[in-house]
Amino acid sequence: TGTMTELLADCGYDMIGVDNSADMLEIALEK
């Protein structure tokens, strides 16, 4: 759901997130 992806972006990294679950990614996109 992108929780760690968001936090790593806060650390200054340019983030890409990959996941096989459309349902999880839907929540990640909302975040």
PDB file of all heavy atoms in Angstrom:
ATOM      1  N   THR A   1       0.812  -1.218   0.000  1.00  0.00           N
ATOM      2  CA  THR A   1       0.000   0.000   0.000  1.00  0.00           C
ATOM      3  C   THR A   1       0.847   1.270   0.000  1.00  0.00           C
ATOM      4  O   THR A   1       0.309   2.361   0.166  1.00  0.00           O
ATOM      5  CB  THR A   1      -0.948   0.023   1.211  1.00  0.00           C
ATOM      6  OG1 THR A   1      -0.178   0.047   2.425  1.00  0.00           O
ATOM      7  CG2 THR A   1      -1.868  -1.182   1.219  1.00  0.00           C
ATOM      8  N   GLY A   2       2.150   1.143  -0.164  1.00  0.00           N
ATOM      9  CA  GLY A   2       3.002   2.297  -0.371  1.00  0.00           C
ATOM     10  C   GLY A   2       3.481   3.025   0.874  1.00  0.00           C
ATOM     11  O   GLY A   2       4.090   4.098   0.756  1.00  0.00           O
ATOM     12  N   THR A   3       3.257   2.453   2.050  1.00  0.00           N
ATOM     13  CA  THR A   3       3.677   3.150   3.271  1.00  0.00           C
ATOM     14  C   THR A   3       5.187   3.375   3.299  1.00  0.00           C
ATOM     15  O   THR A   3       5.656   4.504   3.519  1.00  0.00           O
ATOM     16  CB  THR A   3       3.251   2.363   4.523  1.00  0.00           C
ATOM     17  OG1 THR A   3       1.828   2.243   4.544  1.00  0.00           O
ATOM     18  CG2 THR A   3       3.700   3.073   5.786  1.00  0.00           C
ATOM     19  N   MET A   4       5.975   2.315   3.066  1.00  0.00           N
ATOM     20  CA  MET A   4       7.425   2.453   3.079  1.00  0.00           C
ATOM     21  C   MET A   4       7.907   3.279   1.886  1.00  0.00           C
ATOM     22  O   MET A   4       8.862   4.064   2.010  1.00  0.00           O
ATOM     23  CB  MET A   4       8.099   1.076   3.075  1.00  0.00           C
ATOM     24  CG  MET A   4       9.609   1.126   3.220  1.00  0.00           C
ATOM     25  SD  MET A   4      10.152   1.814   4.807  1.00  0.00           S
ATOM     26  CE  MET A   4       9.779   0.422   5.885  1.00  0.00           C
ATOM     27  N   THR A   5       7.246   3.143   0.753  1.00  0.00           N
ATOM     28  CA  THR A   5       7.626   3.916  -0.432  1.00  0.00           C
ATOM     29  C   THR A   5       7.530   5.404  -0.151  1.00  0.00           C
ATOM     30  O   THR A   5       8.417   6.183  -0.514  1.00  0.00           O
ATOM     31  CB  THR A   5       6.708   3.551  -1.616  1.00  0.00           C
ATOM     32  OG1 THR A   5       6.350   2.171  -1.568  1.00  0.00           O
ATOM     33  CG2 THR A   5       7.398   3.830  -2.934  1.00  0.00           C
ATOM     34  N   GLU A   6       6.435   5.797   0.498  1.00  0.00           N
ATOM     35  CA  GLU A   6       6.236   7.207   0.853  1.00  0.00           C
ATOM     36  C   GLU A   6       7.324   7.684   1.820  1.00  0.00           C
ATOM     37  O   GLU A   6       7.862   8.787   1.672  1.00  0.00           O
ATOM     38  CB  GLU A   6       4.852   7.386   1.487  1.00  0.00           C
ATOM     39  CG  GLU A   6       3.686   7.197   0.536  1.00  0.00           C
ATOM     40  CD  GLU A   6       3.206   8.519  -0.053  1.00  0.00           C
ATOM     41  OE1 GLU A   6       3.513   9.577   0.532  1.00  0.00           O
ATOM     42  OE2 GLU A   6       2.536   8.487  -1.095  1.00  0.00           O
ATOM     43  N   LEU A   7       7.649   6.863   2.811  1.00  0.00           N
ATOM     44  CA  LEU A   7       8.654   7.255   3.797  1.00  0.00           C
ATOM     45  C   LEU A   7      10.035   7.378   3.169  1.00  0.00           C
ATOM     46  O   LEU A   7      10.803   8.292   3.510  1.00  0.00           O
ATOM     47  CB  LEU A   7       8.674   6.240   4.943  1.00  0.00           C
ATOM     48  CG  LEU A   7       7.454   6.247   5.864  1.00  0.00           C
ATOM     49  CD1 LEU A   7       7.492   5.047   6.802  1.00  0.00           C
ATOM     50  CD2 LEU A   7       7.385   7.545   6.674  1.00  0.00           C
ATOM     51  N   LEU A   8      10.368   6.478   2.258  1.00  0.00           N
ATOM     52  CA  LEU A   8      11.664   6.566   1.579  1.00  0.00           C
ATOM     53  C   LEU A   8      11.723   7.798   0.683  1.00  0.00           C
ATOM     54  O   LEU A   8      12.785   8.414   0.526  1.00  0.00           O
ATOM     55  CB  LEU A   8      11.917   5.289   0.765  1.00  0.00           C
ATOM     56  CG  LEU A   8      12.273   4.056   1.596  1.00  0.00           C
ATOM     57  CD1 LEU A   8      12.247   2.807   0.727  1.00  0.00           C
ATOM     58  CD2 LEU A   8      13.647   4.202   2.252  1.00  0.00           C
ATOM     59  N   ALA A   9      10.588   8.173   0.100  1.00  0.00           N
ATOM     60  CA  ALA A   9      10.538   9.415  -0.672  1.00  0.00           C
ATOM     61  C   ALA A   9      10.831  10.610   0.234  1.00  0.00           C
ATOM     62  O   ALA A   9      11.502  11.569  -0.175  1.00  0.00           O
ATOM     63  CB  ALA A   9       9.179   9.560  -1.349  1.00  0.00           C
ATOM     64  N   ASP A  10      10.349  10.550   1.474  1.00  0.00           N
ATOM     65  CA  ASP A  10      10.640  11.615   2.442  1.00  0.00           C
ATOM     66  C   ASP A  10      12.134  11.700   2.749  1.00  0.00           C
ATOM     67  O   ASP A  10      12.629  12.763   3.152  1.00  0.00           O
ATOM     68  CB  ASP A  10       9.874  11.374   3.747  1.00  0.00           C
ATOM     69  CG  ASP A  10       8.379  11.650   3.614  1.00  0.00           C
ATOM     70  OD1 ASP A  10       7.998  12.424   2.714  1.00  0.00           O
ATOM     71  OD2 ASP A  10       7.608  11.090   4.414  1.00  0.00           O
ATOM     72  N   CYS A  11      12.847  10.578   2.594  1.00  0.00           N
ATOM     73  CA  CYS A  11      14.292  10.559   2.846  1.00  0.00           C
ATOM     74  C   CYS A  11      15.089  11.145   1.681  1.00  0.00           C
ATOM     75  O   CYS A  11      16.325  11.239   1.756  1.00  0.00           O
ATOM     76  CB  CYS A  11      14.761   9.126   3.109  1.00  0.00           C
ATOM     77  SG  CYS A  11      14.134   8.391   4.635  1.00  0.00           S
ATOM     78  N   GLY A  12      14.400  11.517   0.603  1.00  0.00           N
ATOM     79  CA  GLY A  12      15.076  12.145  -0.523  1.00  0.00           C
ATOM     80  C   GLY A  12      15.305  11.258  -1.724  1.00  0.00           C
ATOM     81  O   GLY A  12      15.937  11.686  -2.703  1.00  0.00           O
ATOM     82  N   TYR A  13      14.794  10.025  -1.683  1.00  0.00           N
ATOM     83  CA  TYR A  13      14.952   9.134  -2.825  1.00  0.00           C
ATOM     84  C   TYR A  13      13.829   9.353  -3.842  1.00  0.00           C
ATOM     85  O   TYR A  13      12.700   9.686  -3.476  1.00  0.00           O
ATOM     86  CB  TYR A  13      14.949   7.675  -2.368  1.00  0.00           C
ATOM     87  CG  TYR A  13      16.072   7.327  -1.425  1.00  0.00           C
ATOM     88  CD1 TYR A  13      15.826   7.043  -0.085  1.00  0.00           C
ATOM     89  CD2 TYR A  13      17.389   7.287  -1.864  1.00  0.00           C
ATOM     90  CE1 TYR A  13      16.849   6.730   0.795  1.00  0.00           C
ATOM     91  CE2 TYR A  13      18.428   6.979  -1.002  1.00  0.00           C
ATOM     92  CZ  TYR A  13      18.157   6.696   0.328  1.00  0.00           C
ATOM     93  OH  TYR A  13      19.181   6.397   1.193  1.00  0.00           O
ATOM     94  N   ASP A  14      14.148   9.156  -5.111  1.00  0.00           N
ATOM     95  CA  ASP A  14      13.145   9.162  -6.177  1.00  0.00           C
ATOM     96  C   ASP A  14      12.610   7.732  -6.287  1.00  0.00           C
ATOM     97  O   ASP A  14      13.338   6.830  -6.714  1.00  0.00           O
ATOM     98  CB  ASP A  14      13.758   9.607  -7.503  1.00  0.00           C
ATOM     99  CG  ASP A  14      14.322  11.016  -7.429  1.00  0.00           C
ATOM    100  OD1 ASP A  14      13.648  11.878  -6.844  1.00  0.00           O
ATOM    101  OD2 ASP A  14      15.425  11.244  -7.954  1.00  0.00           O
ATOM    102  N   MET A  15      11.356   7.540  -5.906  1.00  0.00           N
ATOM    103  CA  MET A  15      10.858   6.188  -5.679  1.00  0.00           C
ATOM    104  C   MET A  15      10.030   5.628  -6.841  1.00  0.00           C
ATOM    105  O   MET A  15       9.242   6.321  -7.480  1.00  0.00           O
ATOM    106  CB  MET A  15      10.006   6.158  -4.413  1.00  0.00           C
ATOM    107  CG  MET A  15      10.781   6.434  -3.129  1.00  0.00           C
ATOM    108  SD  MET A  15      12.168   5.286  -2.867  1.00  0.00           S
ATOM    109  CE  MET A  15      11.300   3.698  -2.827  1.00  0.00           C
ATOM    110  N   ILE A  16      10.235   4.325  -7.050  1.00  0.00           N
ATOM    111  CA  ILE A  16       9.378   3.491  -7.892  1.00  0.00           C
ATOM    112  C   ILE A  16       8.878   2.354  -7.014  1.00  0.00           C
ATOM    113  O   ILE A  16       9.655   1.766  -6.260  1.00  0.00           O
ATOM    114  CB  ILE A  16      10.141   2.899  -9.094  1.00  0.00           C
ATOM    115  CG1 ILE A  16      10.749   4.005  -9.960  1.00  0.00           C
ATOM    116  CG2 ILE A  16       9.222   2.015  -9.935  1.00  0.00           C
ATOM    117  CD1 ILE A  16      11.682   3.478 -11.037  1.00  0.00           C
ATOM    118  N   GLY A  17       7.597   2.046  -7.096  1.00  0.00           N
ATOM    119  CA  GLY A  17       7.038   0.935  -6.337  1.00  0.00           C
ATOM    120  C   GLY A  17       6.457  -0.110  -7.275  1.00  0.00           C
ATOM    121  O   GLY A  17       5.718   0.232  -8.202  1.00  0.00           O
ATOM    122  N   VAL A  18       6.799  -1.359  -7.031  1.00  0.00           N
ATOM    123  CA  VAL A  18       6.280  -2.476  -7.831  1.00  0.00           C
ATOM    124  C   VAL A  18       5.533  -3.437  -6.921  1.00  0.00           C
ATOM    125  O   VAL A  18       6.042  -3.829  -5.863  1.00  0.00           O
ATOM    126  CB  VAL A  18       7.421  -3.224  -8.560  1.00  0.00           C
ATOM    127  CG1 VAL A  18       6.943  -4.580  -9.079  1.00  0.00           C
ATOM    128  CG2 VAL A  18       7.957  -2.386  -9.719  1.00  0.00           C
ATOM    129  N   ASP A  19       4.332  -3.811  -7.321  1.00  0.00           N
ATOM    130  CA  ASP A  19       3.567  -4.812  -6.579  1.00  0.00           C
ATOM    131  C   ASP A  19       2.650  -5.530  -7.558  1.00  0.00           C
ATOM    132  O   ASP A  19       2.234  -4.958  -8.577  1.00  0.00           O
ATOM    133  CB  ASP A  19       2.740  -4.168  -5.460  1.00  0.00           C
ATOM    134  CG  ASP A  19       2.377  -5.157  -4.363  1.00  0.00           C
ATOM    135  OD1 ASP A  19       1.388  -5.906  -4.547  1.00  0.00           O
ATOM    136  OD2 ASP A  19       3.095  -5.226  -3.350  1.00  0.00           O
ATOM    137  N   ASN A  20       2.329  -6.783  -7.240  1.00  0.00           N
ATOM    138  CA  ASN A  20       1.485  -7.595  -8.124  1.00  0.00           C
ATOM    139  C   ASN A  20      -0.002  -7.423  -7.835  1.00  0.00           C
ATOM    140  O   ASN A  20      -0.838  -7.886  -8.605  1.00  0.00           O
ATOM    141  CB  ASN A  20       1.863  -9.077  -7.984  1.00  0.00           C
ATOM    142  CG  ASN A  20       1.401  -9.899  -9.163  1.00  0.00           C
ATOM    143  OD1 ASN A  20       1.376  -9.416 -10.297  1.00  0.00           O
ATOM    144  ND2 ASN A  20       1.026 -11.151  -8.919  1.00  0.00           N
ATOM    145  N   SER A  21      -0.344  -6.768  -6.726  1.00  0.00           N
ATOM    146  CA  SER A  21      -1.741  -6.641  -6.312  1.00  0.00           C
ATOM    147  C   SER A  21      -2.305  -5.289  -6.734  1.00  0.00           C
ATOM    148  O   SER A  21      -1.881  -4.243  -6.246  1.00  0.00           O
ATOM    149  CB  SER A  21      -1.861  -6.796  -4.792  1.00  0.00           C
ATOM    150  OG  SER A  21      -3.158  -6.416  -4.355  1.00  0.00           O
ATOM    151  N   ALA A  22      -3.284  -5.320  -7.620  1.00  0.00           N
ATOM    152  CA  ALA A  22      -3.939  -4.090  -8.052  1.00  0.00           C
ATOM    153  C   ALA A  22      -4.650  -3.423  -6.877  1.00  0.00           C
ATOM    154  O   ALA A  22      -4.704  -2.187  -6.791  1.00  0.00           O
ATOM    155  CB  ALA A  22      -4.929  -4.391  -9.174  1.00  0.00           C
ATOM    156  N   ASP A  23      -5.188  -4.232  -5.968  1.00  0.00           N
ATOM    157  CA  ASP A  23      -5.920  -3.682  -4.824  1.00  0.00           C
ATOM    158  C   ASP A  23      -4.991  -2.932  -3.874  1.00  0.00           C
ATOM    159  O   ASP A  23      -5.347  -1.866  -3.359  1.00  0.00           O
ATOM    160  CB  ASP A  23      -6.632  -4.812  -4.073  1.00  0.00           C
ATOM    161  CG  ASP A  23      -7.650  -5.521  -4.946  1.00  0.00           C
ATOM    162  OD1 ASP A  23      -7.255  -6.432  -5.689  1.00  0.00           O
ATOM    163  OD2 ASP A  23      -8.817  -5.147  -4.913  1.00  0.00           O
ATOM    164  N   MET A  24      -3.796  -3.481  -3.651  1.00  0.00           N
ATOM    165  CA  MET A  24      -2.828  -2.793  -2.798  1.00  0.00           C
ATOM    166  C   MET A  24      -2.349  -1.509  -3.467  1.00  0.00           C
ATOM    167  O   MET A  24      -2.228  -0.457  -2.818  1.00  0.00           O
ATOM    168  CB  MET A  24      -1.640  -3.712  -2.505  1.00  0.00           C
ATOM    169  CG  MET A  24      -1.998  -4.997  -1.780  1.00  0.00           C
ATOM    170  SD  MET A  24      -2.421  -4.756  -0.042  1.00  0.00           S
ATOM    171  CE  MET A  24      -0.828  -5.013   0.720  1.00  0.00           C
ATOM    172  N   LEU A  25      -2.103  -1.563  -4.760  1.00  0.00           N
ATOM    173  CA  LEU A  25      -1.618  -0.386  -5.471  1.00  0.00           C
ATOM    174  C   LEU A  25      -2.675   0.708  -5.542  1.00  0.00           C
ATOM    175  O   LEU A  25      -2.336   1.897  -5.569  1.00  0.00           O
ATOM    176  CB  LEU A  25      -1.165  -0.776  -6.881  1.00  0.00           C
ATOM    177  CG  LEU A  25       0.144  -1.571  -6.954  1.00  0.00           C
ATOM    178  CD1 LEU A  25       0.429  -1.972  -8.393  1.00  0.00           C
ATOM    179  CD2 LEU A  25       1.310  -0.772  -6.383  1.00  0.00           C
ATOM    180  N   GLU A  26      -3.926   0.323  -5.559  1.00  0.00           N
ATOM    181  CA  GLU A  26      -4.992   1.318  -5.558  1.00  0.00           C
ATOM    182  C   GLU A  26      -4.907   2.186  -4.300  1.00  0.00           C
ATOM    183  O   GLU A  26      -5.074   3.410  -4.349  1.00  0.00           O
ATOM    184  CB  GLU A  26      -6.354   0.634  -5.638  1.00  0.00           C
ATOM    185  CG  GLU A  26      -7.530   1.599  -5.700  1.00  0.00           C
ATOM    186  CD  GLU A  26      -8.871   0.889  -5.809  1.00  0.00           C
ATOM    187  OE1 GLU A  26      -8.880  -0.335  -6.043  1.00  0.00           O
ATOM    188  OE2 GLU A  26      -9.906   1.564  -5.661  1.00  0.00           O
ATOM    189  N   ILE A  27      -4.619   1.545  -3.170  1.00  0.00           N
ATOM    190  CA  ILE A  27      -4.473   2.285  -1.917  1.00  0.00           C
ATOM    191  C   ILE A  27      -3.189   3.118  -1.943  1.00  0.00           C
ATOM    192  O   ILE A  27      -3.164   4.264  -1.474  1.00  0.00           O
ATOM    193  CB  ILE A  27      -4.485   1.314  -0.726  1.00  0.00           C
ATOM    194  CG1 ILE A  27      -5.844   0.605  -0.667  1.00  0.00           C
ATOM    195  CG2 ILE A  27      -4.203   2.036   0.583  1.00  0.00           C
ATOM    196  CD1 ILE A  27      -5.903  -0.554   0.285  1.00  0.00           C
ATOM    197  N   ALA A  28      -2.117   2.553  -2.514  1.00  0.00           N
ATOM    198  CA  ALA A  28      -0.868   3.300  -2.640  1.00  0.00           C
ATOM    199  C   ALA A  28      -1.070   4.569  -3.460  1.00  0.00           C
ATOM    200  O   ALA A  28      -0.536   5.637  -3.127  1.00  0.00           O
ATOM    201  CB  ALA A  28       0.214   2.430  -3.265  1.00  0.00           C
ATOM    202  N   LEU A  29      -1.855   4.469  -4.524  1.00  0.00           N
ATOM    203  CA  LEU A  29      -2.115   5.635  -5.367  1.00  0.00           C
ATOM    204  C   LEU A  29      -2.945   6.684  -4.636  1.00  0.00           C
ATOM    205  O   LEU A  29      -2.774   7.893  -4.856  1.00  0.00           O
ATOM    206  CB  LEU A  29      -2.810   5.192  -6.656  1.00  0.00           C
ATOM    207  CG  LEU A  29      -1.921   4.434  -7.655  1.00  0.00           C
ATOM    208  CD1 LEU A  29      -2.759   3.821  -8.770  1.00  0.00           C
ATOM    209  CD2 LEU A  29      -0.857   5.354  -8.243  1.00  0.00           C
ATOM    210  N   GLU A  30      -3.845   6.232  -3.765  1.00  0.00           N
ATOM    211  CA  GLU A  30      -4.619   7.182  -2.949  1.00  0.00           C
ATOM    212  C   GLU A  30      -3.684   7.958  -2.015  1.00  0.00           C
ATOM    213  O   GLU A  30      -3.832   9.171  -1.832  1.00  0.00           O
ATOM    214  CB  GLU A  30      -5.678   6.435  -2.141  1.00  0.00           C
ATOM    215  CG  GLU A  30      -6.811   5.849  -2.986  1.00  0.00           C
ATOM    216  CD  GLU A  30      -7.754   4.983  -2.176  1.00  0.00           C
ATOM    217  OE1 GLU A  30      -7.537   4.850  -0.952  1.00  0.00           O
ATOM    218  OE2 GLU A  30      -8.696   4.423  -2.766  1.00  0.00           O
ATOM    219  N   LYS A  31      -2.705   7.254  -1.424  1.00  0.00           N
ATOM    220  CA  LYS A  31      -1.726   7.925  -0.559  1.00  0.00           C
ATOM    221  C   LYS A  31      -0.884   8.917  -1.352  1.00  0.00           C
ATOM    222  O   LYS A  31      -0.578  10.025  -0.877  1.00  0.00           O
ATOM    223  CB  LYS A  31      -0.828   6.892   0.119  1.00  0.00           C
ATOM    224  CG  LYS A  31      -1.541   5.993   1.113  1.00  0.00           C
ATOM    225  CD  LYS A  31      -0.580   4.978   1.694  1.00  0.00           C
ATOM    226  CE  LYS A  31      -1.292   4.038   2.657  1.00  0.00           C
ATOM    227  NZ  LYS A  31      -0.386   2.998   3.206  1.00  0.00           N
TER     228      LYS A  31
END
